[in-house]
Amino acid sequence: MNLLGIIIGIGCVITGMMIEGTSPMILVNFPAFIVVCGAAFSACLVQFPFSVIGSAWKKILWLLSPPNLNLDSQAEFLLSLANTARAQGMLALEGSISSAPDDFTRDGVQMIVDGVDKEVIKELLDNAITLEEEKNTQASKYFEAMGGYAPTMGIIGAVLGLIHAMSLLDRPDLLGPSIATAFVATIFGLVFANLICIPASGRIKTAVESITLYKVMTMEGLVSIASGENSLMLKRRLAIYTGKTEQQ
């Protein structure tokens, strides 16, 4: 589970503080949290439209439950479609539409049943892949941008804290703790960026690549079926994606 990495990372930071004799309670600083997270979020409001921001935060759930895409299972389904088409004709695939694992596959099979030309099928499916990939990539860019803004906001928070500390020069007993608190914002910015935002961006990017691979394989299989290729040829095409060589 990818969330486990975040928990372990934060745990390592806190453990290191405790070993050096620093109380983790010093991190409980609401003003620093507001400056870093609030300002970083606000900066992203300037850069991205609301539609991208909403989509990005929905995809943060991929840290808990990434898309379940089984290339082997999809290859078997495509081969079953090819066998049905060869034995009973393209119209017989209509009965398999409801059993397709996703909307992308269902749309492709429906186009085959409707007699759409194979080149048109490839063009439409390829456009759908490109469009979805671009939308999902925007979510990755959002968290990447937030990971870039957070450390800078942490520095701003630290400077604000030091300004406050300078007003306590006549009170040495409060000066030290005030300076220490000022740097909490810097810690927040670095941890938020490097343990949450940037890894989340990378995780989403990896998921997008997996989705794209899955759909490109599906498109290749559906175009092969629409072309009337035999099952052996289809197996060879799918083996490129699944990594399974054709067994003689």
C-alpha atoms as a PDB file:
ATOM      1  CA  MET A   1       0.000   0.000   0.000  1.00  0.00           C
ATOM      2  CA  ASN A   2       1.535   3.277  -1.139  1.00  0.00           C
ATOM      3  CA  LEU A   3       0.182   5.222   1.836  1.00  0.00           C
ATOM      4  CA  LEU A   4       2.466   3.122   4.021  1.00  0.00           C
ATOM      5  CA  GLY A   5       5.475   4.902   2.524  1.00  0.00           C
ATOM      6  CA  ILE A   6       4.149   8.281   3.684  1.00  0.00           C
ATOM      7  CA  ILE A   7       3.535   6.960   7.190  1.00  0.00           C
ATOM      8  CA  ILE A   8       7.012   5.408   7.403  1.00  0.00           C
ATOM      9  CA  GLY A   9       8.627   8.579   6.059  1.00  0.00           C
ATOM     10  CA  ILE A  10       6.933  10.841   8.588  1.00  0.00           C
ATOM     11  CA  GLY A  11       7.712   8.294  11.298  1.00  0.00           C
ATOM     12  CA  CYS A  12      11.414   8.426  10.389  1.00  0.00           C
ATOM     13  CA  VAL A  13      11.429  12.215  10.666  1.00  0.00           C
ATOM     14  CA  ILE A  14       9.763  12.130  14.085  1.00  0.00           C
ATOM     15  CA  THR A  15      12.030   9.320  15.293  1.00  0.00           C
ATOM     16  CA  GLY A  16      15.106  11.277  14.241  1.00  0.00           C
ATOM     17  CA  MET A  17      13.863  14.289  16.173  1.00  0.00           C
ATOM     18  CA  MET A  18      13.277  12.217  19.281  1.00  0.00           C
ATOM     19  CA  ILE A  19      16.747  10.628  19.085  1.00  0.00           C
ATOM     20  CA  GLU A  20      18.289  14.087  19.045  1.00  0.00           C
ATOM     21  CA  GLY A  21      16.164  15.102  22.025  1.00  0.00           C
ATOM     22  CA  THR A  22      13.675  17.330  20.190  1.00  0.00           C
ATOM     23  CA  SER A  23      10.040  16.976  21.132  1.00  0.00           C
ATOM     24  CA  PRO A  24       7.752  16.142  18.161  1.00  0.00           C
ATOM     25  CA  MET A  25       5.192  18.478  19.716  1.00  0.00           C
ATOM     26  CA  ILE A  26       7.166  21.399  18.320  1.00  0.00           C
ATOM     27  CA  LEU A  27       5.713  20.433  14.946  1.00  0.00           C
ATOM     28  CA  VAL A  28       2.209  21.143  16.199  1.00  0.00           C
ATOM     29  CA  ASN A  29       2.143  24.633  14.749  1.00  0.00           C
ATOM     30  CA  PHE A  30      -1.091  25.680  13.063  1.00  0.00           C
ATOM     31  CA  PRO A  31       0.217  29.012  11.660  1.00  0.00           C
ATOM     32  CA  ALA A  32       3.069  27.174   9.910  1.00  0.00           C
ATOM     33  CA  PHE A  33       0.590  24.660   8.483  1.00  0.00           C
ATOM     34  CA  ILE A  34      -1.608  27.452   7.142  1.00  0.00           C
ATOM     35  CA  VAL A  35       1.294  29.301   5.536  1.00  0.00           C
ATOM     36  CA  VAL A  36       2.721  26.223   3.812  1.00  0.00           C
ATOM     37  CA  CYS A  37      -0.318  24.165   2.813  1.00  0.00           C
ATOM     38  CA  GLY A  38      -2.740  27.061   2.386  1.00  0.00           C
ATOM     39  CA  ALA A  39      -0.366  29.195   0.333  1.00  0.00           C
ATOM     40  CA  ALA A  40       0.797  26.252  -1.809  1.00  0.00           C
ATOM     41  CA  PHE A  41      -2.815  25.318  -2.505  1.00  0.00           C
ATOM     42  CA  SER A  42      -3.604  28.943  -3.360  1.00  0.00           C
ATOM     43  CA  ALA A  43      -0.679  29.105  -5.791  1.00  0.00           C
ATOM     44  CA  CYS A  44      -2.042  26.035  -7.559  1.00  0.00           C
ATOM     45  CA  LEU A  45      -5.436  27.766  -7.778  1.00  0.00           C
ATOM     46  CA  VAL A  46      -3.720  30.366  -9.915  1.00  0.00           C
ATOM     47  CA  GLN A  47      -2.030  27.794 -12.137  1.00  0.00           C
ATOM     48  CA  PHE A  48      -4.802  25.201 -12.631  1.00  0.00           C
ATOM     49  CA  PRO A  49      -8.550  25.361 -13.343  1.00  0.00           C
ATOM     50  CA  PHE A  50     -11.006  23.974 -10.778  1.00  0.00           C
ATOM     51  CA  SER A  51     -11.764  20.964 -12.983  1.00  0.00           C
ATOM     52  CA  VAL A  52      -8.130  19.824 -12.850  1.00  0.00           C
ATOM     53  CA  ILE A  53      -7.859  20.433  -9.093  1.00  0.00           C
ATOM     54  CA  GLY A  54     -11.011  18.424  -8.379  1.00  0.00           C
ATOM     55  CA  SER A  55      -9.849  15.573 -10.598  1.00  0.00           C
ATOM     56  CA  ALA A  56      -6.395  15.597  -8.997  1.00  0.00           C
ATOM     57  CA  TRP A  57      -7.703  15.231  -5.451  1.00  0.00           C
ATOM     58  CA  LYS A  58      -9.944  12.373  -6.535  1.00  0.00           C
ATOM     59  CA  LYS A  59      -6.923  10.600  -7.964  1.00  0.00           C
ATOM     60  CA  ILE A  60      -5.075  10.903  -4.661  1.00  0.00           C
ATOM     61  CA  LEU A  61      -7.127   7.805  -3.788  1.00  0.00           C
ATOM     62  CA  TRP A  62      -4.835   5.896  -6.158  1.00  0.00           C
ATOM     63  CA  LEU A  63      -2.326   5.956  -3.282  1.00  0.00           C
ATOM     64  CA  LEU A  64      -4.705   3.606  -1.466  1.00  0.00           C
ATOM     65  CA  SER A  65      -6.258   1.726  -4.353  1.00  0.00           C
ATOM     66  CA  PRO A  66      -4.540   2.070  -7.752  1.00  0.00           C
ATOM     67  CA  PRO A  67      -6.462   1.097 -10.920  1.00  0.00           C
ATOM     68  CA  ASN A  68      -6.746  -2.666 -11.190  1.00  0.00           C
ATOM     69  CA  LEU A  69      -5.719  -3.448 -14.762  1.00  0.00           C
ATOM     70  CA  ASN A  70      -4.887  -7.037 -15.625  1.00  0.00           C
ATOM     71  CA  LEU A  71      -3.189  -7.307 -19.005  1.00  0.00           C
ATOM     72  CA  ASP A  72      -3.306 -11.111 -18.993  1.00  0.00           C
ATOM     73  CA  SER A  73      -7.036 -11.182 -18.292  1.00  0.00           C
ATOM     74  CA  GLN A  74      -7.702  -8.581 -20.983  1.00  0.00           C
ATOM     75  CA  ALA A  75      -5.597 -10.534 -23.489  1.00  0.00           C
ATOM     76  CA  GLU A  76      -7.648 -13.652 -22.796  1.00  0.00           C
ATOM     77  CA  PHE A  77     -10.875 -11.690 -23.299  1.00  0.00           C
ATOM     78  CA  LEU A  78      -9.652 -10.306 -26.620  1.00  0.00           C
ATOM     79  CA  LEU A  79      -8.641 -13.790 -27.780  1.00  0.00           C
ATOM     80  CA  SER A  80     -12.100 -15.090 -26.886  1.00  0.00           C
ATOM     81  CA  LEU A  81     -13.607 -12.292 -28.985  1.00  0.00           C
ATOM     82  CA  ALA A  82     -11.358 -13.239 -31.899  1.00  0.00           C
ATOM     83  CA  ASN A  83     -12.383 -16.888 -31.670  1.00  0.00           C
ATOM     84  CA  THR A  84     -16.058 -15.965 -31.554  1.00  0.00           C
ATOM     85  CA  ALA A  85     -15.711 -13.623 -34.533  1.00  0.00           C
ATOM     86  CA  ARG A  86     -13.885 -16.258 -36.587  1.00  0.00           C
ATOM     87  CA  ALA A  87     -16.379 -18.999 -35.774  1.00  0.00           C
ATOM     88  CA  GLN A  88     -19.692 -17.103 -35.789  1.00  0.00           C
ATOM     89  CA  GLY A  89     -19.047 -13.770 -37.466  1.00  0.00           C
ATOM     90  CA  MET A  90     -18.659 -10.218 -36.226  1.00  0.00           C
ATOM     91  CA  LEU A  91     -22.326  -9.820 -35.264  1.00  0.00           C
ATOM     92  CA  ALA A  92     -21.923 -12.614 -32.719  1.00  0.00           C
ATOM     93  CA  LEU A  93     -19.704 -10.263 -30.680  1.00  0.00           C
ATOM     94  CA  GLU A  94     -22.778  -8.320 -29.612  1.00  0.00           C
ATOM     95  CA  GLY A  95     -23.374 -10.899 -26.890  1.00  0.00           C
ATOM     96  CA  SER A  96     -19.927 -10.188 -25.449  1.00  0.00           C
ATOM     97  CA  ILE A  97     -20.376  -6.415 -25.091  1.00  0.00           C
ATOM     98  CA  SER A  98     -21.967  -6.627 -21.653  1.00  0.00           C
ATOM     99  CA  SER A  99     -19.138  -8.833 -20.370  1.00  0.00           C
ATOM    100  CA  ALA A 100     -16.414  -6.392 -21.434  1.00  0.00           C
ATOM    101  CA  PRO A 101     -14.365  -5.242 -18.415  1.00  0.00           C
ATOM    102  CA  ASP A 102     -14.527  -1.487 -19.120  1.00  0.00           C
ATOM    103  CA  ASP A 103     -16.281   1.178 -21.201  1.00  0.00           C
ATOM    104  CA  PHE A 104     -13.315   1.569 -23.548  1.00  0.00           C
ATOM    105  CA  THR A 105     -13.462  -2.095 -24.554  1.00  0.00           C
ATOM    106  CA  ARG A 106     -17.264  -2.031 -24.784  1.00  0.00           C
ATOM    107  CA  ASP A 107     -17.160   0.934 -27.150  1.00  0.00           C
ATOM    108  CA  GLY A 108     -14.604  -0.809 -29.354  1.00  0.00           C
ATOM    109  CA  VAL A 109     -16.568  -4.057 -29.546  1.00  0.00           C
ATOM    110  CA  GLN A 110     -19.747  -2.119 -30.305  1.00  0.00           C
ATOM    111  CA  MET A 111     -18.038  -0.388 -33.225  1.00  0.00           C
ATOM    112  CA  ILE A 112     -16.925  -3.764 -34.587  1.00  0.00           C
ATOM    113  CA  VAL A 113     -20.499  -5.072 -34.353  1.00  0.00           C
ATOM    114  CA  ASP A 114     -21.784  -1.918 -36.072  1.00  0.00           C
ATOM    115  CA  GLY A 115     -19.442  -2.548 -38.999  1.00  0.00           C
ATOM    116  CA  VAL A 116     -17.262   0.538 -38.510  1.00  0.00           C
ATOM    117  CA  ASP A 117     -14.140   0.490 -40.687  1.00  0.00           C
ATOM    118  CA  LYS A 118     -11.030  -0.722 -38.847  1.00  0.00           C
ATOM    119  CA  GLU A 119      -9.124   2.494 -39.610  1.00  0.00           C
ATOM    120  CA  VAL A 120     -11.928   4.574 -38.130  1.00  0.00           C
ATOM    121  CA  ILE A 121     -12.026   2.317 -35.061  1.00  0.00           C
ATOM    122  CA  LYS A 122      -8.291   2.783 -34.571  1.00  0.00           C
ATOM    123  CA  GLU A 123      -8.548   6.553 -35.001  1.00  0.00           C
ATOM    124  CA  LEU A 124     -11.434   6.941 -32.541  1.00  0.00           C
ATOM    125  CA  LEU A 125      -9.895   4.692 -29.895  1.00  0.00           C
ATOM    126  CA  ASP A 126      -6.490   6.331 -30.292  1.00  0.00           C
ATOM    127  CA  ASN A 127      -8.053   9.770 -29.817  1.00  0.00           C
ATOM    128  CA  ALA A 128      -9.845   8.542 -26.693  1.00  0.00           C
ATOM    129  CA  ILE A 129      -6.550   7.222 -25.272  1.00  0.00           C
ATOM    130  CA  THR A 130      -4.742  10.488 -25.969  1.00  0.00           C
ATOM    131  CA  LEU A 131      -7.495  12.603 -24.426  1.00  0.00           C
ATOM    132  CA  GLU A 132      -7.716  10.533 -21.242  1.00  0.00           C
ATOM    133  CA  GLU A 133      -3.945  10.427 -20.894  1.00  0.00           C
ATOM    134  CA  GLU A 134      -3.776  14.220 -21.144  1.00  0.00           C
ATOM    135  CA  LYS A 135      -6.508  14.676 -18.520  1.00  0.00           C
ATOM    136  CA  ASN A 136      -4.882  12.254 -16.091  1.00  0.00           C
ATOM    137  CA  THR A 137      -1.447  13.763 -16.652  1.00  0.00           C
ATOM    138  CA  GLN A 138      -2.798  17.150 -15.557  1.00  0.00           C
ATOM    139  CA  ALA A 139      -3.544  15.633 -12.146  1.00  0.00           C
ATOM    140  CA  SER A 140       0.071  14.508 -11.887  1.00  0.00           C
ATOM    141  CA  LYS A 141       1.288  17.969 -12.866  1.00  0.00           C
ATOM    142  CA  TYR A 142      -0.916  19.511 -10.173  1.00  0.00           C
ATOM    143  CA  PHE A 143       0.758  17.626  -7.331  1.00  0.00           C
ATOM    144  CA  GLU A 144       4.152  18.158  -8.913  1.00  0.00           C
ATOM    145  CA  ALA A 145       3.507  21.908  -8.918  1.00  0.00           C
ATOM    146  CA  MET A 146       2.319  21.851  -5.307  1.00  0.00           C
ATOM    147  CA  GLY A 147       5.486  19.987  -4.390  1.00  0.00           C
ATOM    148  CA  GLY A 148       7.454  22.798  -5.972  1.00  0.00           C
ATOM    149  CA  TYR A 149       5.568  25.584  -4.203  1.00  0.00           C
ATOM    150  CA  ALA A 150       5.509  24.056  -0.697  1.00  0.00           C
ATOM    151  CA  PRO A 151       9.245  24.421   0.159  1.00  0.00           C
ATOM    152  CA  THR A 152       9.188  28.049  -0.993  1.00  0.00           C
ATOM    153  CA  MET A 153       6.156  28.723   1.175  1.00  0.00           C
ATOM    154  CA  GLY A 154       8.034  27.054   4.018  1.00  0.00           C
ATOM    155  CA  ILE A 155      10.848  29.562   3.605  1.00  0.00           C
ATOM    156  CA  ILE A 156       8.321  32.401   3.658  1.00  0.00           C
ATOM    157  CA  GLY A 157       6.877  30.972   6.863  1.00  0.00           C
ATOM    158  CA  ALA A 158      10.347  30.755   8.395  1.00  0.00           C
ATOM    159  CA  VAL A 159      11.084  34.379   7.507  1.00  0.00           C
ATOM    160  CA  LEU A 160       7.792  35.479   9.043  1.00  0.00           C
ATOM    161  CA  GLY A 161       8.697  33.559  12.194  1.00  0.00           C
ATOM    162  CA  LEU A 162      12.141  35.164  12.334  1.00  0.00           C
ATOM    163  CA  ILE A 163      10.586  38.589  11.995  1.00  0.00           C
ATOM    164  CA  HIS A 164       8.510  37.787  15.057  1.00  0.00           C
ATOM    165  CA  ALA A 165      11.596  36.441  16.842  1.00  0.00           C
ATOM    166  CA  MET A 166      13.462  39.693  16.223  1.00  0.00           C
ATOM    167  CA  SER A 167      10.783  41.514  18.180  1.00  0.00           C
ATOM    168  CA  LEU A 168      11.785  39.433  21.213  1.00  0.00           C
ATOM    169  CA  LEU A 169      15.447  40.479  21.354  1.00  0.00           C
ATOM    170  CA  ASP A 170      14.809  42.104  24.696  1.00  0.00           C
ATOM    171  CA  ARG A 171      13.449  38.804  26.047  1.00  0.00           C
ATOM    172  CA  PRO A 172      16.223  36.191  25.660  1.00  0.00           C
ATOM    173  CA  ASP A 173      14.151  33.512  27.408  1.00  0.00           C
ATOM    174  CA  LEU A 174      11.629  33.609  24.546  1.00  0.00           C
ATOM    175  CA  LEU A 175      14.036  34.274  21.689  1.00  0.00           C
ATOM    176  CA  GLY A 176      15.437  30.726  21.353  1.00  0.00           C
ATOM    177  CA  PRO A 177      12.072  28.911  21.306  1.00  0.00           C
ATOM    178  CA  SER A 178      10.690  31.511  18.914  1.00  0.00           C
ATOM    179  CA  ILE A 179      13.527  30.973  16.429  1.00  0.00           C
ATOM    180  CA  ALA A 180      13.084  27.194  16.665  1.00  0.00           C
ATOM    181  CA  THR A 181       9.375  27.544  15.975  1.00  0.00           C
ATOM    182  CA  ALA A 182      10.106  29.749  12.967  1.00  0.00           C
ATOM    183  CA  PHE A 183      11.856  26.897  11.190  1.00  0.00           C
ATOM    184  CA  VAL A 184       8.887  24.557  11.648  1.00  0.00           C
ATOM    185  CA  ALA A 185       7.360  26.048   8.502  1.00  0.00           C
ATOM    186  CA  THR A 186      10.459  25.028   6.542  1.00  0.00           C
ATOM    187  CA  ILE A 187      10.115  21.471   7.825  1.00  0.00           C
ATOM    188  CA  PHE A 188       6.429  21.445   6.898  1.00  0.00           C
ATOM    189  CA  GLY A 189       7.231  22.629   3.372  1.00  0.00           C
ATOM    190  CA  LEU A 190       9.954  20.047   2.779  1.00  0.00           C
ATOM    191  CA  VAL A 191       7.985  17.135   4.267  1.00  0.00           C
ATOM    192  CA  PHE A 192       4.759  18.092   2.482  1.00  0.00           C
ATOM    193  CA  ALA A 193       6.602  18.347  -0.835  1.00  0.00           C
ATOM    194  CA  ASN A 194       8.924  15.350  -0.641  1.00  0.00           C
ATOM    195  CA  LEU A 195       6.800  12.838   1.273  1.00  0.00           C
ATOM    196  CA  ILE A 196       3.347  13.644  -0.090  1.00  0.00           C
ATOM    197  CA  CYS A 197       3.081  15.851  -3.181  1.00  0.00           C
ATOM    198  CA  ILE A 198       6.001  14.706  -5.346  1.00  0.00           C
ATOM    199  CA  PRO A 199       5.494  10.968  -4.569  1.00  0.00           C
ATOM    200  CA  ALA A 200       1.766  11.374  -5.261  1.00  0.00           C
ATOM    201  CA  SER A 201       2.597  12.977  -8.599  1.00  0.00           C
ATOM    202  CA  GLY A 202       4.887  10.079  -9.463  1.00  0.00           C
ATOM    203  CA  ARG A 203       2.284   7.506  -8.396  1.00  0.00           C
ATOM    204  CA  ILE A 204      -0.389   9.083 -10.557  1.00  0.00           C
ATOM    205  CA  LYS A 205       2.033   9.267 -13.480  1.00  0.00           C
ATOM    206  CA  THR A 206       2.821   5.555 -13.098  1.00  0.00           C
ATOM    207  CA  ALA A 207      -0.900   4.724 -13.006  1.00  0.00           C
ATOM    208  CA  VAL A 208      -1.500   6.810 -16.129  1.00  0.00           C
ATOM    209  CA  GLU A 209       1.237   4.902 -17.955  1.00  0.00           C
ATOM    210  CA  SER A 210      -0.344   1.591 -16.900  1.00  0.00           C
ATOM    211  CA  ILE A 211      -3.787   2.710 -18.079  1.00  0.00           C
ATOM    212  CA  THR A 212      -2.365   3.866 -21.402  1.00  0.00           C
ATOM    213  CA  LEU A 213      -0.530   0.561 -21.938  1.00  0.00           C
ATOM    214  CA  TYR A 214      -3.709  -1.374 -21.144  1.00  0.00           C
ATOM    215  CA  LYS A 215      -5.786   0.639 -23.597  1.00  0.00           C
ATOM    216  CA  VAL A 216      -3.197   0.603 -26.374  1.00  0.00           C
ATOM    217  CA  MET A 217      -3.088  -3.189 -26.094  1.00  0.00           C
ATOM    218  CA  THR A 218      -6.883  -3.293 -26.182  1.00  0.00           C
ATOM    219  CA  MET A 219      -6.970  -1.049 -29.246  1.00  0.00           C
ATOM    220  CA  GLU A 220      -4.436  -3.263 -31.051  1.00  0.00           C
ATOM    221  CA  GLY A 221      -6.510  -6.323 -30.236  1.00  0.00           C
ATOM    222  CA  LEU A 222      -9.795  -4.812 -31.354  1.00  0.00           C
ATOM    223  CA  VAL A 223      -8.338  -3.525 -34.624  1.00  0.00           C
ATOM    224  CA  SER A 224      -6.854  -6.969 -35.225  1.00  0.00           C
ATOM    225  CA  ILE A 225     -10.268  -8.559 -34.676  1.00  0.00           C
ATOM    226  CA  ALA A 226     -11.933  -6.014 -36.983  1.00  0.00           C
ATOM    227  CA  SER A 227      -9.327  -6.868 -39.632  1.00  0.00           C
ATOM    228  CA  GLY A 228     -10.226 -10.564 -39.436  1.00  0.00           C
ATOM    229  CA  GLU A 229      -6.753 -11.684 -38.341  1.00  0.00           C
ATOM    230  CA  ASN A 230      -6.440 -15.195 -36.978  1.00  0.00           C
ATOM    231  CA  SER A 231      -5.958 -15.956 -33.293  1.00  0.00           C
ATOM    232  CA  LEU A 232      -2.290 -16.859 -33.712  1.00  0.00           C
ATOM    233  CA  MET A 233      -1.498 -13.432 -35.118  1.00  0.00           C
ATOM    234  CA  LEU A 234      -3.492 -11.762 -32.341  1.00  0.00           C
ATOM    235  CA  LYS A 235      -1.583 -13.743 -29.708  1.00  0.00           C
ATOM    236  CA  ARG A 236       1.670 -12.490 -31.144  1.00  0.00           C
ATOM    237  CA  ARG A 237       0.440  -8.903 -31.018  1.00  0.00           C
ATOM    238  CA  LEU A 238      -0.755  -9.208 -27.417  1.00  0.00           C
ATOM    239  CA  ALA A 239       2.436 -10.976 -26.318  1.00  0.00           C
ATOM    240  CA  ILE A 240       4.304  -7.708 -26.923  1.00  0.00           C
ATOM    241  CA  TYR A 241       2.296  -6.154 -24.076  1.00  0.00           C
ATOM    242  CA  THR A 242       1.887  -9.094 -21.707  1.00  0.00           C
ATOM    243  CA  GLY A 243       5.473 -10.279 -22.056  1.00  0.00           C
ATOM    244  CA  LYS A 244       4.336 -13.819 -22.761  1.00  0.00           C
ATOM    245  CA  THR A 245       5.871 -15.410 -25.841  1.00  0.00           C
ATOM    246  CA  GLU A 246       3.812 -17.589 -28.080  1.00  0.00           C
ATOM    247  CA  GLN A 247       4.059 -21.219 -27.059  1.00  0.00           C
ATOM    248  CA  GLN A 248       4.476 -23.576 -29.940  1.00  0.00           C
END
